[in-house]
Amino acid sequence: MNKSHLRKLALELRGEVDLGPHEPFDPYQFAELYGIDIIPLSEVECSPEAARHFLRDRQEVFSGALIPCSDGTTVIVENDAHVPERRVSTASHEISHVVLEHPFAATLTDSGRCRVMNKEHEAEATELGGELLLPTEAARRLAYYNVEDEEVARRFGISVQLASWRMNATGARKIAKRAHAKRR
């Protein structure tokens, strides 16, 4: 699926929860609407050693996973030791796999993205997840008004890293720079 299609899909999905492109997206509200449970890793029954490893000692090695259930539903397990801004990114990415109806393959998400993956599906989920969190239209408007990445992140409840990526990947900063140059 190309970026243009994913951009339109994100706007449709945001509309399902009554959001325009300039409002923060809540993946937890969206997951509830779609019947997707998001389970904090700290609530998963496991050995104390495993919990300590993923929630404290090496929390960067696991962000989230999409898990199919025997009843046909899907759940997302997220690392609740991460900051909220990171968690919304993980949830949006995993939700994107569901919405895009990607066939299930065991995927574990860490700071370097998924470990077992279909690269095309990962790219689509990353793009759609990013578009849900910071739509291109919003990025372009914010860039036009020279809003810094930190402020973009604050307004949309996302990490500065994600805000920076979206502001650049959407071409927002370049488009704004050209528009300002034309006005001079």
N, C-alpha and C. Protein backbone atom coordinates (compact mmCIF):
# COMPACT_ATOMS: atom_id res chain seq x y z
N MET A 1 0.84 -1.17 0.00
CA MET A 1 0.00 0.00 0.00
C MET A 1 0.90 1.24 0.00
N ASN A 2 0.59 2.19 -0.85
CA ASN A 2 1.46 3.37 -0.92
C ASN A 2 1.10 4.40 0.17
N LYS A 3 1.99 5.37 0.34
CA LYS A 3 1.83 6.35 1.41
C LYS A 3 0.55 7.16 1.26
N SER A 4 0.19 7.48 0.04
CA SER A 4 -1.03 8.25 -0.20
C SER A 4 -2.26 7.50 0.30
N HIS A 5 -2.30 6.21 0.00
CA HIS A 5 -3.43 5.39 0.47
C HIS A 5 -3.42 5.30 2.00
N LEU A 6 -2.26 5.10 2.59
CA LEU A 6 -2.16 5.01 4.04
C LEU A 6 -2.56 6.33 4.70
N ARG A 7 -2.22 7.45 4.06
CA ARG A 7 -2.59 8.77 4.57
C ARG A 7 -4.12 8.90 4.61
N LYS A 8 -4.78 8.50 3.52
CA LYS A 8 -6.25 8.56 3.47
C LYS A 8 -6.87 7.62 4.48
N LEU A 9 -6.32 6.43 4.60
CA LEU A 9 -6.84 5.45 5.56
C LEU A 9 -6.73 5.99 6.98
N ALA A 10 -5.61 6.61 7.31
CA ALA A 10 -5.42 7.16 8.65
C ALA A 10 -6.48 8.22 8.95
N LEU A 11 -6.76 9.06 7.99
CA LEU A 11 -7.79 10.10 8.20
C LEU A 11 -9.17 9.47 8.40
N GLU A 12 -9.47 8.40 7.65
CA GLU A 12 -10.74 7.69 7.83
C GLU A 12 -10.82 7.07 9.22
N LEU A 13 -9.73 6.43 9.65
CA LEU A 13 -9.70 5.79 10.96
C LEU A 13 -9.82 6.82 12.08
N ARG A 14 -9.15 7.94 11.93
CA ARG A 14 -9.26 9.01 12.92
C ARG A 14 -10.70 9.52 12.97
N GLY A 15 -11.34 9.58 11.81
CA GLY A 15 -12.74 10.01 11.76
C GLY A 15 -13.67 9.08 12.52
N GLU A 16 -13.32 7.80 12.57
CA GLU A 16 -14.14 6.83 13.30
C GLU A 16 -14.18 7.12 14.80
N VAL A 17 -13.20 7.84 15.29
CA VAL A 17 -13.19 8.25 16.70
C VAL A 17 -13.34 9.77 16.82
N ASP A 18 -13.96 10.36 15.79
CA ASP A 18 -14.29 11.78 15.77
C ASP A 18 -13.09 12.71 15.94
N LEU A 19 -11.99 12.36 15.27
CA LEU A 19 -10.80 13.21 15.33
C LEU A 19 -10.49 13.78 13.95
N GLY A 20 -10.17 15.05 13.93
CA GLY A 20 -9.64 15.65 12.73
C GLY A 20 -8.14 15.47 12.71
N PRO A 21 -7.47 15.98 11.69
CA PRO A 21 -6.03 15.77 11.57
C PRO A 21 -5.17 16.57 12.56
N HIS A 22 -5.79 17.51 13.27
CA HIS A 22 -5.00 18.38 14.15
C HIS A 22 -5.18 18.07 15.63
N GLU A 23 -5.77 16.91 15.92
CA GLU A 23 -6.01 16.50 17.30
C GLU A 23 -5.19 15.25 17.62
N PRO A 24 -4.77 15.10 18.87
CA PRO A 24 -4.00 13.90 19.25
C PRO A 24 -4.84 12.64 19.13
N PHE A 25 -4.23 11.57 18.67
CA PHE A 25 -4.86 10.27 18.49
C PHE A 25 -4.60 9.41 19.73
N ASP A 26 -5.64 8.78 20.24
CA ASP A 26 -5.51 7.90 21.40
C ASP A 26 -5.65 6.45 20.92
N PRO A 27 -4.54 5.72 20.78
CA PRO A 27 -4.63 4.35 20.29
C PRO A 27 -5.40 3.42 21.23
N TYR A 28 -5.45 3.77 22.51
CA TYR A 28 -6.16 2.95 23.47
C TYR A 28 -7.68 3.05 23.26
N GLN A 29 -8.14 4.25 22.97
CA GLN A 29 -9.56 4.45 22.65
C GLN A 29 -9.89 3.73 21.36
N PHE A 30 -9.01 3.82 20.39
CA PHE A 30 -9.23 3.17 19.11
C PHE A 30 -9.24 1.65 19.27
N ALA A 31 -8.32 1.12 20.04
CA ALA A 31 -8.26 -0.33 20.27
C ALA A 31 -9.55 -0.81 20.92
N GLU A 32 -10.05 -0.03 21.86
CA GLU A 32 -11.31 -0.40 22.51
C GLU A 32 -12.45 -0.45 21.50
N LEU A 33 -12.51 0.52 20.61
CA LEU A 33 -13.53 0.55 19.56
C LEU A 33 -13.45 -0.69 18.67
N TYR A 34 -12.25 -1.13 18.39
CA TYR A 34 -12.04 -2.29 17.52
C TYR A 34 -12.01 -3.62 18.28
N GLY A 35 -12.20 -3.57 19.59
CA GLY A 35 -12.22 -4.79 20.38
C GLY A 35 -10.86 -5.44 20.53
N ILE A 36 -9.82 -4.63 20.53
CA ILE A 36 -8.46 -5.13 20.70
C ILE A 36 -8.02 -4.81 22.13
N ASP A 37 -7.75 -5.83 22.89
CA ASP A 37 -7.26 -5.61 24.25
C ASP A 37 -5.77 -5.28 24.21
N ILE A 38 -5.38 -4.33 25.02
CA ILE A 38 -3.96 -4.00 25.19
C ILE A 38 -3.62 -4.35 26.63
N ILE A 39 -2.72 -5.31 26.76
CA ILE A 39 -2.36 -5.84 28.07
C ILE A 39 -0.97 -5.36 28.46
N PRO A 40 -0.85 -4.72 29.62
CA PRO A 40 0.48 -4.32 30.09
C PRO A 40 1.34 -5.55 30.38
N LEU A 41 2.58 -5.50 29.98
CA LEU A 41 3.50 -6.61 30.21
C LEU A 41 3.60 -6.96 31.70
N SER A 42 3.48 -5.97 32.55
CA SER A 42 3.57 -6.22 34.00
C SER A 42 2.43 -7.09 34.50
N GLU A 43 1.36 -7.23 33.72
CA GLU A 43 0.22 -8.07 34.13
C GLU A 43 0.28 -9.47 33.53
N VAL A 44 1.26 -9.74 32.68
CA VAL A 44 1.42 -11.06 32.09
C VAL A 44 2.09 -11.97 33.12
N GLU A 45 1.52 -13.13 33.34
CA GLU A 45 2.11 -14.07 34.29
C GLU A 45 3.38 -14.66 33.70
N CYS A 46 4.46 -14.42 34.38
CA CYS A 46 5.75 -14.97 33.96
C CYS A 46 6.66 -15.04 35.19
N SER A 47 7.82 -15.59 34.99
CA SER A 47 8.74 -15.72 36.12
C SER A 47 9.22 -14.33 36.57
N PRO A 48 9.57 -14.19 37.82
CA PRO A 48 10.09 -12.91 38.30
C PRO A 48 11.33 -12.46 37.53
N GLU A 49 12.15 -13.46 37.11
CA GLU A 49 13.36 -13.13 36.36
C GLU A 49 13.01 -12.51 35.00
N ALA A 50 12.04 -13.10 34.31
CA ALA A 50 11.62 -12.58 33.00
C ALA A 50 11.02 -11.18 33.16
N ALA A 51 10.18 -11.01 34.16
CA ALA A 51 9.57 -9.70 34.41
C ALA A 51 10.65 -8.65 34.67
N ARG A 52 11.61 -8.98 35.52
CA ARG A 52 12.68 -8.04 35.84
C ARG A 52 13.50 -7.72 34.58
N HIS A 53 13.76 -8.73 33.77
CA HIS A 53 14.55 -8.54 32.54
C HIS A 53 13.87 -7.54 31.60
N PHE A 54 12.58 -7.76 31.31
CA PHE A 54 11.88 -6.94 30.32
C PHE A 54 11.34 -5.62 30.86
N LEU A 55 11.06 -5.57 32.16
CA LEU A 55 10.47 -4.37 32.72
C LEU A 55 11.48 -3.45 33.39
N ARG A 56 12.68 -3.97 33.68
CA ARG A 56 13.65 -3.13 34.37
C ARG A 56 15.04 -3.20 33.74
N ASP A 57 15.65 -4.39 33.75
CA ASP A 57 17.05 -4.51 33.34
C ASP A 57 17.28 -4.21 31.86
N ARG A 58 16.43 -4.76 31.00
CA ARG A 58 16.62 -4.61 29.55
C ARG A 58 15.30 -4.23 28.88
N GLN A 59 14.64 -3.23 29.41
CA GLN A 59 13.32 -2.88 28.88
C GLN A 59 13.34 -2.45 27.42
N GLU A 60 14.50 -2.06 26.91
CA GLU A 60 14.58 -1.65 25.50
C GLU A 60 14.44 -2.81 24.53
N VAL A 61 14.57 -4.05 24.99
CA VAL A 61 14.52 -5.20 24.07
C VAL A 61 13.10 -5.64 23.73
N PHE A 62 12.11 -5.09 24.42
CA PHE A 62 10.73 -5.47 24.11
C PHE A 62 9.81 -4.28 24.28
N SER A 63 9.16 -3.88 23.19
CA SER A 63 8.18 -2.80 23.26
C SER A 63 6.77 -3.33 23.20
N GLY A 64 6.53 -4.28 22.29
CA GLY A 64 5.17 -4.78 22.17
C GLY A 64 5.10 -5.97 21.25
N ALA A 65 3.98 -6.66 21.32
CA ALA A 65 3.74 -7.82 20.46
C ALA A 65 2.25 -7.95 20.20
N LEU A 66 1.94 -8.38 19.00
CA LEU A 66 0.58 -8.67 18.60
C LEU A 66 0.39 -10.17 18.75
N ILE A 67 -0.60 -10.56 19.55
CA ILE A 67 -0.80 -11.97 19.88
C ILE A 67 -2.21 -12.41 19.44
N PRO A 68 -2.30 -13.45 18.60
CA PRO A 68 -3.63 -13.95 18.24
C PRO A 68 -4.15 -14.87 19.35
N CYS A 69 -5.44 -14.83 19.58
CA CYS A 69 -6.05 -15.69 20.60
C CYS A 69 -6.83 -16.80 19.90
N SER A 70 -7.08 -17.88 20.62
CA SER A 70 -7.77 -19.03 20.04
C SER A 70 -9.19 -18.71 19.61
N ASP A 71 -9.79 -17.65 20.18
CA ASP A 71 -11.16 -17.29 19.80
C ASP A 71 -11.22 -16.36 18.59
N GLY A 72 -10.07 -16.13 17.95
CA GLY A 72 -10.03 -15.30 16.76
C GLY A 72 -9.76 -13.83 17.03
N THR A 73 -9.72 -13.44 18.29
CA THR A 73 -9.40 -12.05 18.62
C THR A 73 -7.89 -11.87 18.66
N THR A 74 -7.50 -10.64 18.79
CA THR A 74 -6.09 -10.30 18.87
C THR A 74 -5.87 -9.43 20.09
N VAL A 75 -4.76 -9.62 20.77
CA VAL A 75 -4.39 -8.75 21.88
C VAL A 75 -2.99 -8.18 21.60
N ILE A 76 -2.76 -7.06 22.20
CA ILE A 76 -1.44 -6.44 22.13
C ILE A 76 -0.87 -6.48 23.54
N VAL A 77 0.34 -6.98 23.66
CA VAL A 77 1.06 -6.91 24.93
C VAL A 77 2.06 -5.78 24.77
N GLU A 78 2.00 -4.82 25.68
CA GLU A 78 2.91 -3.67 25.59
C GLU A 78 3.76 -3.57 26.84
N ASN A 79 4.96 -3.06 26.65
CA ASN A 79 5.87 -2.89 27.77
C ASN A 79 5.49 -1.61 28.51
N ASP A 80 4.81 -1.76 29.63
CA ASP A 80 4.34 -0.61 30.39
C ASP A 80 5.44 0.04 31.22
N ALA A 81 6.67 -0.46 31.11
CA ALA A 81 7.80 0.22 31.73
C ALA A 81 8.28 1.39 30.86
N HIS A 82 7.83 1.42 29.62
CA HIS A 82 8.20 2.52 28.72
C HIS A 82 7.38 3.77 29.04
N VAL A 83 7.90 4.90 28.64
CA VAL A 83 7.18 6.16 28.84
C VAL A 83 5.92 6.17 27.99
N PRO A 84 4.89 6.89 28.40
CA PRO A 84 3.63 6.91 27.65
C PRO A 84 3.79 7.27 26.17
N GLU A 85 4.68 8.18 25.87
CA GLU A 85 4.89 8.59 24.47
C GLU A 85 5.40 7.43 23.62
N ARG A 86 6.21 6.58 24.20
CA ARG A 86 6.70 5.39 23.49
C ARG A 86 5.60 4.35 23.36
N ARG A 87 4.80 4.23 24.40
CA ARG A 87 3.73 3.25 24.39
C ARG A 87 2.67 3.56 23.34
N VAL A 88 2.34 4.83 23.14
CA VAL A 88 1.34 5.15 22.11
C VAL A 88 1.87 4.81 20.72
N SER A 89 3.16 4.97 20.53
CA SER A 89 3.77 4.60 19.24
C SER A 89 3.69 3.10 19.02
N THR A 90 4.02 2.33 20.04
CA THR A 90 3.96 0.87 19.95
C THR A 90 2.53 0.42 19.68
N ALA A 91 1.58 0.95 20.46
CA ALA A 91 0.17 0.56 20.29
C ALA A 91 -0.33 0.92 18.90
N SER A 92 0.01 2.10 18.40
CA SER A 92 -0.43 2.51 17.06
C SER A 92 0.16 1.62 15.98
N HIS A 93 1.41 1.24 16.14
CA HIS A 93 2.06 0.36 15.18
C HIS A 93 1.37 -1.00 15.16
N GLU A 94 1.15 -1.58 16.32
CA GLU A 94 0.53 -2.91 16.38
C GLU A 94 -0.92 -2.86 15.90
N ILE A 95 -1.66 -1.82 16.25
CA ILE A 95 -3.03 -1.64 15.78
C ILE A 95 -3.04 -1.56 14.25
N SER A 96 -2.04 -0.91 13.70
CA SER A 96 -1.97 -0.78 12.24
C SER A 96 -1.88 -2.14 11.56
N HIS A 97 -1.15 -3.07 12.16
CA HIS A 97 -1.10 -4.42 11.60
C HIS A 97 -2.50 -5.03 11.54
N VAL A 98 -3.28 -4.82 12.59
CA VAL A 98 -4.64 -5.37 12.65
C VAL A 98 -5.51 -4.72 11.58
N VAL A 99 -5.51 -3.40 11.53
CA VAL A 99 -6.34 -2.67 10.58
C VAL A 99 -5.98 -3.03 9.14
N LEU A 100 -4.70 -3.20 8.88
CA LEU A 100 -4.24 -3.54 7.53
C LEU A 100 -4.43 -5.02 7.21
N GLU A 101 -4.95 -5.77 8.19
CA GLU A 101 -5.22 -7.19 8.03
C GLU A 101 -4.00 -7.98 7.57
N HIS A 102 -2.87 -7.63 8.16
CA HIS A 102 -1.65 -8.38 7.86
C HIS A 102 -1.79 -9.78 8.43
N PRO A 103 -1.39 -10.77 7.67
CA PRO A 103 -1.45 -12.13 8.22
C PRO A 103 -0.55 -12.21 9.44
N PHE A 104 -1.00 -12.97 10.42
CA PHE A 104 -0.25 -13.03 11.66
C PHE A 104 1.05 -13.79 11.49
N ALA A 105 2.08 -13.19 12.00
CA ALA A 105 3.38 -13.85 12.16
C ALA A 105 3.88 -13.35 13.50
N ALA A 106 4.46 -14.19 14.28
CA ALA A 106 4.93 -13.77 15.60
C ALA A 106 5.91 -12.62 15.43
N THR A 107 5.55 -11.46 15.97
CA THR A 107 6.42 -10.30 15.86
C THR A 107 6.67 -9.74 17.24
N LEU A 108 7.89 -9.51 17.54
CA LEU A 108 8.26 -8.86 18.78
C LEU A 108 8.88 -7.53 18.43
N THR A 109 8.38 -6.46 19.03
CA THR A 109 8.83 -5.13 18.69
C THR A 109 9.79 -4.63 19.77
N ASP A 110 10.94 -4.14 19.33
CA ASP A 110 11.86 -3.51 20.28
C ASP A 110 12.26 -2.17 19.72
N SER A 111 13.23 -1.52 20.30
CA SER A 111 13.61 -0.20 19.84
C SER A 111 14.14 -0.22 18.41
N GLY A 112 14.55 -1.37 17.94
CA GLY A 112 15.01 -1.51 16.56
C GLY A 112 13.92 -2.04 15.64
N ARG A 113 12.69 -1.98 16.07
CA ARG A 113 11.49 -2.47 15.37
C ARG A 113 11.35 -3.98 15.53
N CYS A 114 10.59 -4.59 14.64
CA CYS A 114 10.25 -6.00 14.82
C CYS A 114 11.41 -6.92 14.47
N ARG A 115 11.49 -8.01 15.20
CA ARG A 115 12.58 -8.96 15.02
C ARG A 115 12.26 -10.01 13.97
N VAL A 116 11.02 -10.49 13.93
CA VAL A 116 10.59 -11.45 12.93
C VAL A 116 9.55 -10.71 12.12
N MET A 117 9.84 -10.48 10.84
CA MET A 117 8.94 -9.56 10.16
C MET A 117 8.89 -9.75 8.66
N ASN A 118 7.81 -9.27 8.12
CA ASN A 118 7.66 -9.07 6.69
C ASN A 118 7.97 -7.58 6.51
N LYS A 119 9.05 -7.27 5.83
CA LYS A 119 9.50 -5.88 5.75
C LYS A 119 8.46 -4.95 5.15
N GLU A 120 7.71 -5.42 4.17
CA GLU A 120 6.67 -4.58 3.56
C GLU A 120 5.57 -4.29 4.57
N HIS A 121 5.16 -5.31 5.33
CA HIS A 121 4.13 -5.11 6.34
C HIS A 121 4.61 -4.18 7.44
N GLU A 122 5.85 -4.34 7.84
CA GLU A 122 6.40 -3.46 8.88
C GLU A 122 6.44 -2.01 8.40
N ALA A 123 6.84 -1.80 7.16
CA ALA A 123 6.87 -0.44 6.62
C ALA A 123 5.47 0.16 6.59
N GLU A 124 4.49 -0.63 6.18
CA GLU A 124 3.10 -0.15 6.15
C GLU A 124 2.61 0.19 7.56
N ALA A 125 2.86 -0.70 8.51
CA ALA A 125 2.40 -0.46 9.88
C ALA A 125 3.10 0.74 10.50
N THR A 126 4.37 0.91 10.20
CA THR A 126 5.11 2.06 10.71
C THR A 126 4.54 3.35 10.13
N GLU A 127 4.30 3.34 8.83
CA GLU A 127 3.76 4.53 8.16
C GLU A 127 2.35 4.86 8.66
N LEU A 128 1.47 3.83 8.70
CA LEU A 128 0.10 4.08 9.15
C LEU A 128 0.09 4.50 10.62
N GLY A 129 0.88 3.83 11.45
CA GLY A 129 0.96 4.21 12.86
C GLY A 129 1.42 5.65 13.03
N GLY A 130 2.41 6.05 12.26
CA GLY A 130 2.90 7.43 12.32
C GLY A 130 1.86 8.42 11.82
N GLU A 131 1.17 8.04 10.76
CA GLU A 131 0.13 8.91 10.19
C GLU A 131 -1.05 9.06 11.14
N LEU A 132 -1.36 8.00 11.88
CA LEU A 132 -2.42 8.09 12.88
C LEU A 132 -2.03 9.06 13.99
N LEU A 133 -0.78 9.00 14.41
CA LEU A 133 -0.32 9.82 15.53
C LEU A 133 -0.04 11.26 15.15
N LEU A 134 0.52 11.49 13.97
CA LEU A 134 0.79 12.85 13.49
C LEU A 134 0.54 12.89 11.99
N PRO A 135 -0.69 13.21 11.60
CA PRO A 135 -1.04 13.24 10.18
C PRO A 135 -0.19 14.24 9.39
N THR A 136 0.02 13.92 8.14
CA THR A 136 0.78 14.78 7.24
C THR A 136 0.23 16.20 7.22
N GLU A 137 -1.08 16.32 7.15
CA GLU A 137 -1.72 17.64 7.11
C GLU A 137 -1.33 18.47 8.33
N ALA A 138 -1.35 17.85 9.50
CA ALA A 138 -0.98 18.56 10.72
C ALA A 138 0.51 18.91 10.72
N ALA A 139 1.34 17.96 10.28
CA ALA A 139 2.79 18.21 10.24
C ALA A 139 3.09 19.40 9.34
N ARG A 140 2.42 19.47 8.20
CA ARG A 140 2.67 20.58 7.26
C ARG A 140 2.24 21.91 7.84
N ARG A 141 1.10 21.93 8.52
CA ARG A 141 0.65 23.19 9.12
C ARG A 141 1.61 23.62 10.22
N LEU A 142 2.01 22.69 11.06
CA LEU A 142 2.93 23.01 12.15
C LEU A 142 4.28 23.48 11.62
N ALA A 143 4.75 22.85 10.56
CA ALA A 143 6.02 23.26 9.96
C ALA A 143 5.90 24.68 9.38
N TYR A 144 4.78 24.97 8.78
CA TYR A 144 4.57 26.30 8.20
C TYR A 144 4.69 27.38 9.28
N TYR A 145 4.19 27.05 10.47
CA TYR A 145 4.27 28.00 11.58
C TYR A 145 5.53 27.83 12.42
N ASN A 146 6.50 27.10 11.89
CA ASN A 146 7.81 26.91 12.53
C ASN A 146 7.72 26.34 13.94
N VAL A 147 6.79 25.43 14.17
CA VAL A 147 6.65 24.81 15.48
C VAL A 147 7.78 23.79 15.64
N GLU A 148 8.50 23.88 16.73
CA GLU A 148 9.63 22.99 17.01
C GLU A 148 9.14 21.56 17.30
N ASP A 149 10.01 20.60 17.06
CA ASP A 149 9.66 19.20 17.26
C ASP A 149 9.20 18.92 18.69
N GLU A 150 9.81 19.55 19.66
CA GLU A 150 9.43 19.34 21.06
C GLU A 150 7.98 19.76 21.30
N GLU A 151 7.58 20.86 20.69
CA GLU A 151 6.21 21.34 20.85
C GLU A 151 5.23 20.45 20.07
N VAL A 152 5.63 19.99 18.90
CA VAL A 152 4.80 19.05 18.14
C VAL A 152 4.56 17.80 18.98
N ALA A 153 5.63 17.29 19.57
CA ALA A 153 5.53 16.09 20.41
C ALA A 153 4.57 16.33 21.58
N ARG A 154 4.70 17.47 22.22
CA ARG A 154 3.84 17.78 23.36
C ARG A 154 2.37 17.86 22.93
N ARG A 155 2.10 18.53 21.82
CA ARG A 155 0.72 18.70 21.36
C ARG A 155 0.06 17.38 20.98
N PHE A 156 0.84 16.45 20.44
CA PHE A 156 0.27 15.19 19.96
C PHE A 156 0.51 14.01 20.89
N GLY A 157 1.19 14.24 22.01
CA GLY A 157 1.41 13.17 22.99
C GLY A 157 2.32 12.08 22.48
N ILE A 158 3.31 12.47 21.68
CA ILE A 158 4.25 11.52 21.10
C ILE A 158 5.67 11.90 21.51
N SER A 159 6.61 11.02 21.21
CA SER A 159 8.00 11.31 21.55
C SER A 159 8.56 12.37 20.59
N VAL A 160 9.59 13.05 21.03
CA VAL A 160 10.27 14.04 20.18
C VAL A 160 10.87 13.32 18.97
N GLN A 161 11.38 12.12 19.17
CA GLN A 161 11.94 11.35 18.07
C GLN A 161 10.89 11.08 17.00
N LEU A 162 9.69 10.67 17.40
CA LEU A 162 8.62 10.42 16.44
C LEU A 162 8.19 11.71 15.76
N ALA A 163 8.07 12.78 16.53
CA ALA A 163 7.70 14.08 15.95
C ALA A 163 8.71 14.50 14.89
N SER A 164 9.97 14.37 15.20
CA SER A 164 11.03 14.74 14.25
C SER A 164 10.95 13.89 12.99
N TRP A 165 10.77 12.59 13.16
CA TRP A 165 10.65 11.70 12.00
C TRP A 165 9.48 12.11 11.13
N ARG A 166 8.30 12.34 11.73
CA ARG A 166 7.11 12.69 10.95
C ARG A 166 7.27 14.06 10.28
N MET A 167 7.86 15.01 10.96
CA MET A 167 8.03 16.35 10.38
C MET A 167 8.96 16.30 9.17
N ASN A 168 9.90 15.36 9.18
CA ASN A 168 10.82 15.22 8.05
C ASN A 168 10.29 14.25 7.00
N ALA A 169 9.75 13.10 7.42
CA ALA A 169 9.28 12.08 6.47
C ALA A 169 8.10 12.57 5.63
N THR A 170 7.31 13.46 6.17
CA THR A 170 6.17 13.98 5.44
C THR A 170 6.57 15.10 4.47
N GLY A 171 7.81 15.53 4.57
CA GLY A 171 8.27 16.64 3.74
C GLY A 171 7.80 17.99 4.27
N ALA A 172 7.21 17.99 5.45
CA ALA A 172 6.61 19.21 6.00
C ALA A 172 7.61 20.35 6.12
N ARG A 173 8.78 20.08 6.64
CA ARG A 173 9.78 21.16 6.83
C ARG A 173 10.25 21.72 5.48
N LYS A 174 10.46 20.84 4.50
CA LYS A 174 10.89 21.31 3.17
C LYS A 174 9.80 22.13 2.49
N ILE A 175 8.58 21.66 2.57
CA ILE A 175 7.45 22.38 1.96
C ILE A 175 7.30 23.75 2.60
N ALA A 176 7.40 23.82 3.91
CA ALA A 176 7.27 25.10 4.61
C ALA A 176 8.41 26.03 4.23
N LYS A 177 9.61 25.49 4.12
CA LYS A 177 10.76 26.32 3.74
C LYS A 177 10.57 26.93 2.36
N ARG A 178 10.08 26.11 1.42
CA ARG A 178 9.82 26.63 0.07
C ARG A 178 8.71 27.68 0.09
N ALA A 179 7.66 27.46 0.86
CA ALA A 179 6.55 28.42 0.95
C ALA A 179 7.02 29.74 1.52
N HIS A 180 7.87 29.69 2.54
CA HIS A 180 8.40 30.92 3.13
C HIS A 180 9.33 31.63 2.15
N ALA A 181 10.11 30.89 1.40
CA ALA A 181 11.02 31.48 0.42
C ALA A 181 10.23 32.19 -0.69
N LYS A 182 9.11 31.62 -1.11
CA LYS A 182 8.27 32.24 -2.14
C LYS A 182 7.66 33.54 -1.65
N ARG A 183 7.32 33.59 -0.38
CA ARG A 183 6.69 34.78 0.18
C ARG A 183 7.67 35.94 0.28
N ARG A 184 8.96 35.65 0.31
CA ARG A 184 9.98 36.70 0.46
C ARG A 184 10.17 37.34 -0.82
